[in-house]
Amino acid sequence: MREIREAGAAWLEMSEIDARRLEESDDLFDALVAALVARAVAVERSLPIPPEHLAAAKAEGWIHLPIGERFAHFRPV
């Protein structure tokens, strides 16, 4: 959790209470990670789906992996 807070320090606002809750709850932590990955996809900072896997990704889903400089490009618009 500390690494996520440090990487997003310039724009990820989080109180100590919220940080503690995230450390105590796998569900809350998963939700934060999902939101960060969704943002990476929205700003086109995730690995693209290879064309040969596009049909399977549309049917079964795709796990996007963020790319680039840690969380620098995830800043809200």
PDB file of N, CA and C in Angstrom:
ATOM      1  N   MET A   1       0.817  -1.183   0.000  1.00  0.00           N
ATOM      2  CA  MET A   1       0.000   0.000   0.000  1.00  0.00           C
ATOM      3  C   MET A   1       0.863   1.251   0.000  1.00  0.00           C
ATOM      4  N   ARG A   2       1.936   1.205   0.747  1.00  0.00           N
ATOM      5  CA  ARG A   2       2.848   2.355   0.818  1.00  0.00           C
ATOM      6  C   ARG A   2       3.361   2.726  -0.565  1.00  0.00           C
ATOM      7  N   GLU A   3       3.687   1.722  -1.377  1.00  0.00           N
ATOM      8  CA  GLU A   3       4.215   1.976  -2.714  1.00  0.00           C
ATOM      9  C   GLU A   3       3.192   2.687  -3.597  1.00  0.00           C
ATOM     10  N   ILE A   4       1.939   2.296  -3.501  1.00  0.00           N
ATOM     11  CA  ILE A   4       0.883   2.941  -4.290  1.00  0.00           C
ATOM     12  C   ILE A   4       0.717   4.387  -3.848  1.00  0.00           C
ATOM     13  N   ARG A   5       0.719   4.619  -2.545  1.00  0.00           N
ATOM     14  CA  ARG A   5       0.581   5.995  -2.043  1.00  0.00           C
ATOM     15  C   ARG A   5       1.750   6.861  -2.502  1.00  0.00           C
ATOM     16  N   GLU A   6       2.956   6.331  -2.458  1.00  0.00           N
ATOM     17  CA  GLU A   6       4.129   7.111  -2.874  1.00  0.00           C
ATOM     18  C   GLU A   6       4.116   7.378  -4.376  1.00  0.00           C
ATOM     19  N   ALA A   7       3.728   6.384  -5.158  1.00  0.00           N
ATOM     20  CA  ALA A   7       3.709   6.542  -6.613  1.00  0.00           C
ATOM     21  C   ALA A   7       2.674   7.562  -7.059  1.00  0.00           C
ATOM     22  N   GLY A   8       1.575   7.639  -6.353  1.00  0.00           N
ATOM     23  CA  GLY A   8       0.521   8.578  -6.715  1.00  0.00           C
ATOM     24  C   GLY A   8       0.467   9.786  -5.802  1.00  0.00           C
ATOM     25  N   ALA A   9       1.553  10.053  -5.096  1.00  0.00           N
ATOM     26  CA  ALA A   9       1.567  11.100  -4.071  1.00  0.00           C
ATOM     27  C   ALA A   9       1.117  12.463  -4.578  1.00  0.00           C
ATOM     28  N   ALA A  10       1.408  12.791  -5.810  1.00  0.00           N
ATOM     29  CA  ALA A  10       1.074  14.118  -6.334  1.00  0.00           C
ATOM     30  C   ALA A  10      -0.420  14.285  -6.592  1.00  0.00           C
ATOM     31  N   TRP A  11      -1.161  13.184  -6.727  1.00  0.00           N
ATOM     32  CA  TRP A  11      -2.570  13.310  -7.094  1.00  0.00           C
ATOM     33  C   TRP A  11      -3.507  12.352  -6.372  1.00  0.00           C
ATOM     34  N   LEU A  12      -2.977  11.323  -5.730  1.00  0.00           N
ATOM     35  CA  LEU A  12      -3.816  10.342  -5.046  1.00  0.00           C
ATOM     36  C   LEU A  12      -4.002  10.785  -3.596  1.00  0.00           C
ATOM     37  N   GLU A  13      -5.145  11.382  -3.319  1.00  0.00           N
ATOM     38  CA  GLU A  13      -5.416  11.883  -1.976  1.00  0.00           C
ATOM     39  C   GLU A  13      -5.988  10.764  -1.117  1.00  0.00           C
ATOM     40  N   MET A  14      -5.343  10.554   0.048  1.00  0.00           N
ATOM     41  CA  MET A  14      -5.778   9.483   0.919  1.00  0.00           C
ATOM     42  C   MET A  14      -5.396   9.837   2.355  1.00  0.00           C
ATOM     43  N   SER A  15      -6.359   9.765   3.237  1.00  0.00           N
ATOM     44  CA  SER A  15      -6.076  10.020   4.647  1.00  0.00           C
ATOM     45  C   SER A  15      -5.393   8.799   5.257  1.00  0.00           C
ATOM     46  N   GLU A  16      -4.828   8.982   6.410  1.00  0.00           N
ATOM     47  CA  GLU A  16      -4.218   7.850   7.117  1.00  0.00           C
ATOM     48  C   GLU A  16      -5.270   6.801   7.461  1.00  0.00           C
ATOM     49  N   ILE A  17      -6.473   7.251   7.788  1.00  0.00           N
ATOM     50  CA  ILE A  17      -7.562   6.314   8.101  1.00  0.00           C
ATOM     51  C   ILE A  17      -7.909   5.480   6.870  1.00  0.00           C
ATOM     52  N   ASP A  18      -8.018   6.131   5.699  1.00  0.00           N
ATOM     53  CA  ASP A  18      -8.312   5.397   4.471  1.00  0.00           C
ATOM     54  C   ASP A  18      -7.192   4.416   4.138  1.00  0.00           C
ATOM     55  N   ALA A  19      -5.950   4.840   4.304  1.00  0.00           N
ATOM     56  CA  ALA A  19      -4.816   3.956   4.027  1.00  0.00           C
ATOM     57  C   ALA A  19      -4.860   2.731   4.935  1.00  0.00           C
ATOM     58  N   ARG A  20      -5.176   2.941   6.195  1.00  0.00           N
ATOM     59  CA  ARG A  20      -5.264   1.819   7.138  1.00  0.00           C
ATOM     60  C   ARG A  20      -6.405   0.876   6.739  1.00  0.00           C
ATOM     61  N   ARG A  21      -7.539   1.439   6.320  1.00  0.00           N
ATOM     62  CA  ARG A  21      -8.659   0.603   5.876  1.00  0.00           C
ATOM     63  C   ARG A  21      -8.272  -0.233   4.661  1.00  0.00           C
ATOM     64  N   LEU A  22      -7.540   0.373   3.737  1.00  0.00           N
ATOM     65  CA  LEU A  22      -7.093  -0.362   2.542  1.00  0.00           C
ATOM     66  C   LEU A  22      -6.153  -1.497   2.917  1.00  0.00           C
ATOM     67  N   GLU A  23      -5.305  -1.263   3.911  1.00  0.00           N
ATOM     68  CA  GLU A  23      -4.380  -2.317   4.345  1.00  0.00           C
ATOM     69  C   GLU A  23      -5.110  -3.447   5.057  1.00  0.00           C
ATOM     70  N   GLU A  24      -6.239  -3.124   5.685  1.00  0.00           N
ATOM     71  CA  GLU A  24      -6.984  -4.124   6.450  1.00  0.00           C
ATOM     72  C   GLU A  24      -8.006  -4.890   5.615  1.00  0.00           C
ATOM     73  N   SER A  25      -8.347  -4.373   4.432  1.00  0.00           N
ATOM     74  CA  SER A  25      -9.408  -4.999   3.639  1.00  0.00           C
ATOM     75  C   SER A  25      -8.916  -5.356   2.237  1.00  0.00           C
ATOM     76  N   ASP A  26      -8.884  -6.636   1.953  1.00  0.00           N
ATOM     77  CA  ASP A  26      -8.513  -7.076   0.608  1.00  0.00           C
ATOM     78  C   ASP A  26      -9.499  -6.557  -0.423  1.00  0.00           C
ATOM     79  N   ASP A  27     -10.776  -6.483  -0.065  1.00  0.00           N
ATOM     80  CA  ASP A  27     -11.795  -6.007  -1.005  1.00  0.00           C
ATOM     81  C   ASP A  27     -11.572  -4.542  -1.372  1.00  0.00           C
ATOM     82  N   LEU A  28     -11.290  -3.702  -0.387  1.00  0.00           N
ATOM     83  CA  LEU A  28     -11.033  -2.289  -0.676  1.00  0.00           C
ATOM     84  C   LEU A  28      -9.758  -2.124  -1.500  1.00  0.00           C
ATOM     85  N   PHE A  29      -8.726  -2.885  -1.167  1.00  0.00           N
ATOM     86  CA  PHE A  29      -7.475  -2.811  -1.920  1.00  0.00           C
ATOM     87  C   PHE A  29      -7.699  -3.245  -3.359  1.00  0.00           C
ATOM     88  N   ASP A  30      -8.436  -4.337  -3.565  1.00  0.00           N
ATOM     89  CA  ASP A  30      -8.755  -4.799  -4.918  1.00  0.00           C
ATOM     90  C   ASP A  30      -9.508  -3.728  -5.700  1.00  0.00           C
ATOM     91  N   ALA A  31     -10.435  -3.046  -5.038  1.00  0.00           N
ATOM     92  CA  ALA A  31     -11.201  -1.993  -5.703  1.00  0.00           C
ATOM     93  C   ALA A  31     -10.295  -0.841  -6.132  1.00  0.00           C
ATOM     94  N   LEU A  32      -9.340  -0.466  -5.288  1.00  0.00           N
ATOM     95  CA  LEU A  32      -8.399   0.599  -5.650  1.00  0.00           C
ATOM     96  C   LEU A  32      -7.552   0.186  -6.848  1.00  0.00           C
ATOM     97  N   VAL A  33      -7.023  -1.031  -6.824  1.00  0.00           N
ATOM     98  CA  VAL A  33      -6.204  -1.517  -7.944  1.00  0.00           C
ATOM     99  C   VAL A  33      -7.038  -1.551  -9.224  1.00  0.00           C
ATOM    100  N   ALA A  34      -8.277  -2.018  -9.143  1.00  0.00           N
ATOM    101  CA  ALA A  34      -9.153  -2.059 -10.318  1.00  0.00           C
ATOM    102  C   ALA A  34      -9.390  -0.657 -10.857  1.00  0.00           C
ATOM    103  N   ALA A  35      -9.585   0.311  -9.979  1.00  0.00           N
ATOM    104  CA  ALA A  35      -9.799   1.695 -10.420  1.00  0.00           C
ATOM    105  C   ALA A  35      -8.554   2.258 -11.090  1.00  0.00           C
ATOM    106  N   LEU A  36      -7.380   1.958 -10.549  1.00  0.00           N
ATOM    107  CA  LEU A  36      -6.135   2.443 -11.157  1.00  0.00           C
ATOM    108  C   LEU A  36      -5.907   1.812 -12.536  1.00  0.00           C
ATOM    109  N   VAL A  37      -6.197   0.528 -12.657  1.00  0.00           N
ATOM    110  CA  VAL A  37      -6.046  -0.136 -13.956  1.00  0.00           C
ATOM    111  C   VAL A  37      -7.078   0.401 -14.944  1.00  0.00           C
ATOM    112  N   ALA A  38      -8.303   0.628 -14.490  1.00  0.00           N
ATOM    113  CA  ALA A  38      -9.330   1.203 -15.377  1.00  0.00           C
ATOM    114  C   ALA A  38      -8.884   2.568 -15.885  1.00  0.00           C
ATOM    115  N   ARG A  39      -8.273   3.345 -15.018  1.00  0.00           N
ATOM    116  CA  ARG A  39      -7.762   4.663 -15.437  1.00  0.00           C
ATOM    117  C   ARG A  39      -6.637   4.492 -16.450  1.00  0.00           C
ATOM    118  N   ALA A  40      -5.773   3.529 -16.240  1.00  0.00           N
ATOM    119  CA  ALA A  40      -4.683   3.274 -17.190  1.00  0.00           C
ATOM    120  C   ALA A  40      -5.243   2.932 -18.567  1.00  0.00           C
ATOM    121  N   VAL A  41      -6.288   2.133 -18.595  1.00  0.00           N
ATOM    122  CA  VAL A  41      -6.918   1.767 -19.863  1.00  0.00           C
ATOM    123  C   VAL A  41      -7.544   3.010 -20.505  1.00  0.00           C
ATOM    124  N   ALA A  42      -8.226   3.824 -19.703  1.00  0.00           N
ATOM    125  CA  ALA A  42      -8.919   5.014 -20.222  1.00  0.00           C
ATOM    126  C   ALA A  42      -7.958   6.013 -20.859  1.00  0.00           C
ATOM    127  N   VAL A  43      -6.742   6.106 -20.323  1.00  0.00           N
ATOM    128  CA  VAL A  43      -5.764   7.058 -20.874  1.00  0.00           C
ATOM    129  C   VAL A  43      -4.741   6.356 -21.771  1.00  0.00           C
ATOM    130  N   GLU A  44      -5.110   5.139 -22.201  1.00  0.00           N
ATOM    131  CA  GLU A  44      -4.291   4.343 -23.128  1.00  0.00           C
ATOM    132  C   GLU A  44      -2.869   4.125 -22.630  1.00  0.00           C
ATOM    133  N   ARG A  45      -2.760   3.762 -21.344  1.00  0.00           N
ATOM    134  CA  ARG A  45      -1.465   3.462 -20.744  1.00  0.00           C
ATOM    135  C   ARG A  45      -1.434   2.023 -20.243  1.00  0.00           C
ATOM    136  N   SER A  46      -2.047   1.120 -21.034  1.00  0.00           N
ATOM    137  CA  SER A  46      -1.976  -0.303 -20.723  1.00  0.00           C
ATOM    138  C   SER A  46      -1.532  -1.031 -21.984  1.00  0.00           C
ATOM    139  N   LEU A  47      -1.041  -2.226 -21.776  1.00  0.00           N
ATOM    140  CA  LEU A  47      -0.617  -3.016 -22.936  1.00  0.00           C
ATOM    141  C   LEU A  47      -1.833  -3.298 -23.813  1.00  0.00           C
ATOM    142  N   PRO A  48      -1.732  -3.073 -25.112  1.00  0.00           N
ATOM    143  CA  PRO A  48      -2.880  -3.320 -25.996  1.00  0.00           C
ATOM    144  C   PRO A  48      -3.138  -4.822 -26.152  1.00  0.00           C
ATOM    145  N   ILE A  49      -4.361  -5.138 -26.509  1.00  0.00           N
ATOM    146  CA  ILE A  49      -4.714  -6.529 -26.772  1.00  0.00           C
ATOM    147  C   ILE A  49      -4.135  -6.899 -28.132  1.00  0.00           C
ATOM    148  N   PRO A  50      -3.304  -7.934 -28.195  1.00  0.00           N
ATOM    149  CA  PRO A  50      -2.761  -8.345 -29.493  1.00  0.00           C
ATOM    150  C   PRO A  50      -3.890  -8.757 -30.434  1.00  0.00           C
ATOM    151  N   PRO A  51      -3.801  -8.400 -31.695  1.00  0.00           N
ATOM    152  CA  PRO A  51      -4.873  -8.708 -32.654  1.00  0.00           C
ATOM    153  C   PRO A  51      -5.282 -10.178 -32.659  1.00  0.00           C
ATOM    154  N   GLU A  52      -4.329 -11.079 -32.495  1.00  0.00           N
ATOM    155  CA  GLU A  52      -4.660 -12.504 -32.536  1.00  0.00           C
ATOM    156  C   GLU A  52      -5.467 -12.960 -31.308  1.00  0.00           C
ATOM    157  N   HIS A  53      -5.553 -12.117 -30.270  1.00  0.00           N
ATOM    158  CA  HIS A  53      -6.319 -12.463 -29.067  1.00  0.00           C
ATOM    159  C   HIS A  53      -7.591 -11.629 -28.920  1.00  0.00           C
ATOM    160  N   LEU A  54      -7.872 -10.775 -29.868  1.00  0.00           N
ATOM    161  CA  LEU A  54      -9.003  -9.863 -29.764  1.00  0.00           C
ATOM    162  C   LEU A  54     -10.346 -10.593 -29.628  1.00  0.00           C
ATOM    163  N   ALA A  55     -10.578 -11.613 -30.435  1.00  0.00           N
ATOM    164  CA  ALA A  55     -11.851 -12.346 -30.370  1.00  0.00           C
ATOM    165  C   ALA A  55     -12.020 -13.000 -28.996  1.00  0.00           C
ATOM    166  N   ALA A  56     -10.987 -13.646 -28.515  1.00  0.00           N
ATOM    167  CA  ALA A  56     -11.064 -14.291 -27.196  1.00  0.00           C
ATOM    168  C   ALA A  56     -11.250 -13.248 -26.099  1.00  0.00           C
ATOM    169  N   ALA A  57     -10.571 -12.100 -26.214  1.00  0.00           N
ATOM    170  CA  ALA A  57     -10.695 -11.037 -25.210  1.00  0.00           C
ATOM    171  C   ALA A  57     -12.115 -10.487 -25.165  1.00  0.00           C
ATOM    172  N   LYS A  58     -12.738 -10.345 -26.319  1.00  0.00           N
ATOM    173  CA  LYS A  58     -14.120  -9.853 -26.366  1.00  0.00           C
ATOM    174  C   LYS A  58     -15.073 -10.857 -25.724  1.00  0.00           C
ATOM    175  N   ALA A  59     -14.807 -12.136 -25.892  1.00  0.00           N
ATOM    176  CA  ALA A  59     -15.691 -13.173 -25.345  1.00  0.00           C
ATOM    177  C   ALA A  59     -15.414 -13.451 -23.866  1.00  0.00           C
ATOM    178  N   GLU A  60     -14.152 -13.454 -23.500  1.00  0.00           N
ATOM    179  CA  GLU A  60     -13.780 -13.895 -22.156  1.00  0.00           C
ATOM    180  C   GLU A  60     -13.266 -12.791 -21.254  1.00  0.00           C
ATOM    181  N   GLY A  61     -12.956 -11.627 -21.807  1.00  0.00           N
ATOM    182  CA  GLY A  61     -12.378 -10.540 -21.017  1.00  0.00           C
ATOM    183  C   GLY A  61     -10.872 -10.493 -21.182  1.00  0.00           C
ATOM    184  N   TRP A  62     -10.288  -9.420 -20.681  1.00  0.00           N
ATOM    185  CA  TRP A  62      -8.853  -9.225 -20.828  1.00  0.00           C
ATOM    186  C   TRP A  62      -8.328  -8.528 -19.586  1.00  0.00           C
ATOM    187  N   ILE A  63      -7.214  -8.984 -19.081  1.00  0.00           N
ATOM    188  CA  ILE A  63      -6.585  -8.325 -17.940  1.00  0.00           C
ATOM    189  C   ILE A  63      -5.555  -7.340 -18.484  1.00  0.00           C
ATOM    190  N   HIS A  64      -5.822  -6.073 -18.294  1.00  0.00           N
ATOM    191  CA  HIS A  64      -4.905  -5.036 -18.771  1.00  0.00           C
ATOM    192  C   HIS A  64      -3.791  -4.819 -17.762  1.00  0.00           C
ATOM    193  N   LEU A  65      -2.595  -4.610 -18.269  1.00  0.00           N
ATOM    194  CA  LEU A  65      -1.447  -4.308 -17.427  1.00  0.00           C
ATOM    195  C   LEU A  65      -0.989  -2.892 -17.724  1.00  0.00           C
ATOM    196  N   PRO A  66      -0.932  -2.034 -16.696  1.00  0.00           N
ATOM    197  CA  PRO A  66      -0.462  -0.665 -16.918  1.00  0.00           C
ATOM    198  C   PRO A  66       0.983  -0.660 -17.406  1.00  0.00           C
ATOM    199  N   ILE A  67       1.299   0.318 -18.223  1.00  0.00           N
ATOM    200  CA  ILE A  67       2.665   0.498 -18.704  1.00  0.00           C
ATOM    201  C   ILE A  67       3.104   1.919 -18.416  1.00  0.00           C
ATOM    202  N   GLY A  68       4.363   2.161 -18.554  1.00  0.00           N
ATOM    203  CA  GLY A  68       4.867   3.518 -18.429  1.00  0.00           C
ATOM    204  C   GLY A  68       5.416   3.820 -17.058  1.00  0.00           C
ATOM    205  N   GLU A  69       5.598   5.070 -16.831  1.00  0.00           N
ATOM    206  CA  GLU A  69       6.234   5.588 -15.643  1.00  0.00           C
ATOM    207  C   GLU A  69       5.310   5.476 -14.441  1.00  0.00           C
ATOM    208  N   ARG A  70       5.404   4.406 -13.728  1.00  0.00           N
ATOM    209  CA  ARG A  70       4.570   4.121 -12.558  1.00  0.00           C
ATOM    210  C   ARG A  70       3.153   4.631 -12.742  1.00  0.00           C
ATOM    211  N   PHE A  71       2.704   5.619 -11.995  1.00  0.00           N
ATOM    212  CA  PHE A  71       1.335   6.119 -12.123  1.00  0.00           C
ATOM    213  C   PHE A  71       1.283   7.539 -12.658  1.00  0.00           C
ATOM    214  N   ALA A  72       2.324   7.992 -13.291  1.00  0.00           N
ATOM    215  CA  ALA A  72       2.407   9.389 -13.720  1.00  0.00           C
ATOM    216  C   ALA A  72       1.274   9.797 -14.658  1.00  0.00           C
ATOM    217  N   HIS A  73       0.789   8.886 -15.471  1.00  0.00           N
ATOM    218  CA  HIS A  73      -0.212   9.229 -16.462  1.00  0.00           C
ATOM    219  C   HIS A  73      -1.653   8.957 -16.014  1.00  0.00           C
ATOM    220  N   PHE A  74      -1.832   8.571 -14.783  1.00  0.00           N
ATOM    221  CA  PHE A  74      -3.166   8.208 -14.308  1.00  0.00           C
ATOM    222  C   PHE A  74      -3.921   9.384 -13.720  1.00  0.00           C
ATOM    223  N   ARG A  75      -3.271  10.495 -13.604  1.00  0.00           N
ATOM    224  CA  ARG A  75      -3.852  11.700 -13.029  1.00  0.00           C
ATOM    225  C   ARG A  75      -5.232  11.983 -13.598  1.00  0.00           C
ATOM    226  N   PRO A  76      -6.208  12.337 -12.771  1.00  0.00           N
ATOM    227  CA  PRO A  76      -7.540  12.679 -13.298  1.00  0.00           C
ATOM    228  C   PRO A  76      -7.471  13.861 -14.252  1.00  0.00           C
ATOM    229  N   VAL A  77      -8.377  13.863 -15.218  1.00  0.00           N
ATOM    230  CA  VAL A  77      -8.421  14.971 -16.179  1.00  0.00           C
ATOM    231  C   VAL A  77      -9.374  16.036 -15.689  1.00  0.00           C
TER     232      VAL A  77
END
